[in-house]
Amino acid sequence: MVVNPYSGNAKRRLDGQQALAQIAALGSHAELRLTTGPGHATELAAAWAAAGGDLVVAVGGDGTVQEVARGLVGTSCAMAVLPSGSGNDFAVGVGCATVEQGLAAVAQGIDVAVDVCALNNMPFVNSCGLLVSGLVSGAAARYWRWLGPARYTLAALRILLAYRGQHVIWTFGGDGAREVAAGRYLMAEICNGPLTGG
């Protein structure tokens, strides 16, 4: 079990010991691993998969899920999600909008196949935001966590007051057929799941 101890709002956060107790109540054994910073969840998940583990439970928000998924790409190890972040778009999209739904999926062995996408060789499972989307996410990460999803609204308002887009040249297609679009763009979101940005 990979737990982000700083994910989401402190009042609603599922801490590692709570998550461990809830998994144990299902009759399952889990080992608790707390993340210490960016990229650590990827390392922990990859190490567990390399050791022969068959399931990693990601406890956190979309960032934690993203990192755990990166560590599991190319392995036979599955991922379960107990949503505990300020953004839980992936969890909602796969039917685990609450901790209880996530626990039920683990208890019942419910599997949901999910495609893995990549941009510049960086895998993602839910969405990849470019231009203003990335700027908003970066700004929201610097706001107080107790604000929850409101962090993103505040960051969007602040960024959009000054951001006027960026000149971009998009090239689409493959196998010889290419389409090019150029212009000033505000945002691009590549979505693999049904939700992004709440």
Protein backbone atom coordinates (compact mmCIF):
# COMPACT_ATOMS: atom_id res chain seq x y z
CA MET A 1 0.00 0.00 0.00
CA VAL A 2 1.45 3.33 -1.11
CA VAL A 3 0.12 6.26 0.90
CA ASN A 4 0.68 9.94 0.26
CA PRO A 5 0.59 11.42 3.80
CA TYR A 6 0.02 14.95 2.44
CA SER A 7 -2.69 14.22 -0.10
CA GLY A 8 -5.94 16.18 0.01
CA ASN A 9 -7.54 17.98 2.92
CA ALA A 10 -6.22 17.04 6.38
CA LYS A 11 -9.75 16.77 7.82
CA ARG A 12 -10.85 14.21 5.21
CA ARG A 13 -7.50 12.54 4.53
CA LEU A 14 -7.26 8.78 4.93
CA ASP A 15 -3.99 8.25 6.76
CA GLY A 16 -1.78 5.20 6.37
CA GLN A 17 -2.81 3.46 9.58
CA GLN A 18 -6.51 3.92 8.82
CA ALA A 19 -6.04 2.53 5.31
CA LEU A 20 -4.01 -0.41 6.64
CA ALA A 21 -6.71 -1.22 9.20
CA GLN A 22 -9.44 -1.10 6.56
CA ILE A 23 -7.54 -3.44 4.24
CA ALA A 24 -6.84 -5.79 7.17
CA ALA A 25 -10.57 -5.82 7.99
CA LEU A 26 -11.10 -7.38 4.55
CA GLY A 27 -8.85 -10.26 5.58
CA SER A 28 -6.03 -9.04 3.36
CA HIS A 29 -2.41 -8.49 4.29
CA ALA A 30 -0.82 -5.18 3.29
CA GLU A 31 2.49 -3.47 3.90
CA LEU A 32 2.38 0.27 4.45
CA ARG A 33 4.75 2.55 2.54
CA LEU A 34 4.52 6.34 2.96
CA THR A 35 5.75 8.58 0.19
CA THR A 36 8.38 11.17 1.02
CA GLY A 37 8.24 13.38 -2.06
CA PRO A 38 7.62 13.59 -5.81
CA GLY A 39 8.46 10.38 -7.68
CA HIS A 40 8.66 8.24 -4.56
CA ALA A 41 5.31 6.51 -5.19
CA THR A 42 6.63 5.39 -8.60
CA GLU A 43 9.73 3.90 -6.99
CA LEU A 44 7.71 2.12 -4.28
CA ALA A 45 5.22 0.66 -6.77
CA ALA A 46 7.95 -0.51 -9.16
CA ALA A 47 9.88 -2.15 -6.31
CA TRP A 48 6.75 -3.99 -5.10
CA ALA A 49 5.97 -5.24 -8.61
CA ALA A 50 9.61 -6.34 -9.11
CA ALA A 51 9.41 -8.28 -5.84
CA GLY A 52 6.46 -10.26 -7.22
CA GLY A 53 3.62 -8.29 -5.67
CA ASP A 54 0.27 -8.62 -7.41
CA LEU A 55 -1.50 -5.48 -6.13
CA VAL A 56 -0.55 -1.97 -5.04
CA VAL A 57 -3.21 0.06 -3.26
CA ALA A 58 -2.75 3.77 -4.02
CA VAL A 59 -4.04 5.97 -1.19
CA GLY A 60 -4.13 9.60 -2.28
CA GLY A 61 -5.36 11.75 -5.12
CA ASP A 62 -4.71 11.86 -8.84
CA GLY A 63 -1.02 12.66 -8.38
CA THR A 64 -0.45 9.59 -6.21
CA VAL A 65 -2.45 7.41 -8.61
CA GLN A 66 -0.42 8.76 -11.53
CA GLU A 67 2.88 7.97 -9.85
CA VAL A 68 1.84 4.48 -8.76
CA ALA A 69 0.58 3.71 -12.27
CA ARG A 70 3.92 4.80 -13.75
CA GLY A 71 5.69 2.32 -11.50
CA LEU A 72 3.42 -0.51 -12.60
CA VAL A 73 3.45 0.04 -16.39
CA GLY A 74 4.78 -3.08 -18.08
CA THR A 75 4.29 -5.33 -15.06
CA SER A 76 1.53 -7.78 -14.17
CA CYS A 77 0.87 -6.00 -10.87
CA ALA A 78 -2.56 -4.35 -10.55
CA MET A 79 -3.48 -1.09 -8.83
CA ALA A 80 -6.40 -0.39 -6.49
CA VAL A 81 -7.39 3.12 -5.44
CA LEU A 82 -8.61 4.48 -2.11
CA PRO A 83 -9.32 8.13 -3.02
CA SER A 84 -7.98 10.62 -0.50
CA GLY A 85 -6.92 13.62 -2.54
CA SER A 86 -8.25 17.02 -3.44
CA GLY A 87 -8.62 15.70 -6.98
CA ASN A 88 -9.85 12.13 -7.43
CA ASP A 89 -10.81 12.16 -11.11
CA PHE A 90 -9.26 8.79 -11.93
CA ALA A 91 -10.93 7.07 -8.97
CA VAL A 92 -14.34 8.48 -9.89
CA GLY A 93 -13.84 7.47 -13.52
CA VAL A 94 -13.20 3.81 -12.63
CA GLY A 95 -16.07 3.60 -10.14
CA CYS A 96 -14.16 4.12 -6.90
CA ALA A 97 -15.36 7.61 -5.99
CA THR A 98 -15.27 6.83 -2.25
CA VAL A 99 -12.97 4.86 0.02
CA GLU A 100 -15.85 2.42 0.59
CA GLN A 101 -16.16 1.78 -3.16
CA GLY A 102 -12.40 1.27 -3.40
CA LEU A 103 -12.46 -1.22 -0.52
CA ALA A 104 -15.41 -3.06 -2.10
CA ALA A 105 -13.47 -3.36 -5.37
CA VAL A 106 -10.50 -4.86 -3.50
CA ALA A 107 -12.72 -7.23 -1.48
CA GLN A 108 -14.62 -8.43 -4.54
CA GLY A 109 -11.60 -8.55 -6.83
CA ILE A 110 -13.20 -6.16 -9.33
CA ASP A 111 -10.89 -5.39 -12.25
CA VAL A 112 -11.26 -2.48 -14.65
CA ALA A 113 -8.98 -2.45 -17.69
CA VAL A 114 -7.42 0.95 -18.27
CA ASP A 115 -5.34 2.10 -21.22
CA VAL A 116 -2.01 3.72 -20.52
CA CYS A 117 -1.12 6.76 -22.60
CA ALA A 118 2.21 8.51 -22.91
CA LEU A 119 3.41 11.95 -23.86
CA ASN A 120 7.16 12.28 -24.49
CA ASN A 121 7.62 8.80 -23.00
CA MET A 122 5.90 9.81 -19.75
CA PRO A 123 2.96 7.45 -19.06
CA PHE A 124 -0.35 8.69 -17.71
CA VAL A 125 -3.65 6.95 -16.97
CA ASN A 126 -6.20 9.74 -16.58
CA SER A 127 -5.27 13.00 -18.28
CA CYS A 128 -2.38 15.17 -19.32
CA GLY A 129 -2.89 18.92 -19.21
CA LEU A 130 -0.88 21.25 -21.38
CA LEU A 131 -0.49 25.02 -21.50
CA VAL A 132 -2.76 26.77 -18.97
CA SER A 133 -3.85 23.43 -17.49
CA GLY A 134 -0.29 22.68 -16.40
CA LEU A 135 0.21 26.20 -15.08
CA VAL A 136 -2.97 25.95 -12.99
CA SER A 137 -1.97 22.57 -11.54
CA GLY A 138 1.46 23.91 -10.63
CA ALA A 139 0.00 27.00 -8.96
CA ALA A 140 -2.67 24.98 -7.11
CA ALA A 141 0.03 22.72 -5.66
CA ARG A 142 1.50 25.76 -3.89
CA TYR A 143 -1.79 26.70 -2.17
CA TRP A 144 -2.88 25.44 1.24
CA ARG A 145 -4.19 21.88 1.11
CA TRP A 146 -7.08 22.67 3.46
CA LEU A 147 -8.67 24.56 0.55
CA GLY A 148 -9.31 21.19 -1.18
CA PRO A 149 -10.64 21.49 -4.75
CA ALA A 150 -11.01 25.26 -4.32
CA ARG A 151 -7.21 25.45 -4.76
CA TYR A 152 -7.70 24.77 -8.47
CA THR A 153 -10.41 27.40 -8.86
CA LEU A 154 -8.28 30.05 -7.16
CA ALA A 155 -5.23 29.09 -9.22
CA ALA A 156 -7.26 29.17 -12.46
CA LEU A 157 -8.59 32.64 -11.70
CA ARG A 158 -5.12 33.96 -10.90
CA ILE A 159 -3.46 32.42 -13.96
CA LEU A 160 -6.23 33.32 -16.41
CA LEU A 161 -6.03 37.01 -15.51
CA ALA A 162 -2.60 37.20 -17.14
CA TYR A 163 -2.29 34.21 -19.50
CA ARG A 164 -3.16 34.89 -23.14
CA GLY A 165 -2.24 31.55 -24.63
CA GLN A 166 0.81 30.38 -26.45
CA HIS A 167 1.63 29.94 -30.12
CA VAL A 168 1.64 26.20 -30.83
CA ILE A 169 2.08 24.05 -33.91
CA TRP A 170 0.21 20.73 -33.58
CA THR A 171 1.03 17.80 -35.83
CA PHE A 172 -1.51 14.96 -35.92
CA GLY A 173 -1.56 11.61 -37.62
CA GLY A 174 0.84 8.93 -38.61
CA ASP A 175 1.59 6.49 -41.40
CA GLY A 176 2.43 9.31 -43.79
CA ALA A 177 -0.85 11.23 -43.38
CA ARG A 178 -0.20 14.36 -41.36
CA GLU A 179 -2.41 17.24 -40.40
CA VAL A 180 -0.95 20.45 -39.01
CA ALA A 181 -2.75 23.12 -37.01
CA ALA A 182 -1.05 26.29 -35.85
CA GLY A 183 -2.24 29.18 -33.76
CA ARG A 184 -2.49 30.63 -30.28
CA TYR A 185 -3.98 28.15 -27.83
CA LEU A 186 -5.10 28.55 -24.24
CA MET A 187 -5.33 24.94 -23.19
CA ALA A 188 -5.04 21.37 -24.37
CA GLU A 189 -6.10 18.35 -22.35
CA ILE A 190 -5.37 14.81 -23.46
CA CYS A 191 -7.90 12.62 -21.69
CA ASN A 192 -7.85 8.89 -21.17
CA GLY A 193 -10.54 9.02 -18.48
CA PRO A 194 -13.94 10.73 -18.41
CA LEU A 195 -12.98 13.47 -15.92
CA THR A 196 -10.27 16.04 -15.50
CA GLY A 197 -9.97 19.02 -13.18
CA GLY A 198 -12.90 17.84 -11.08
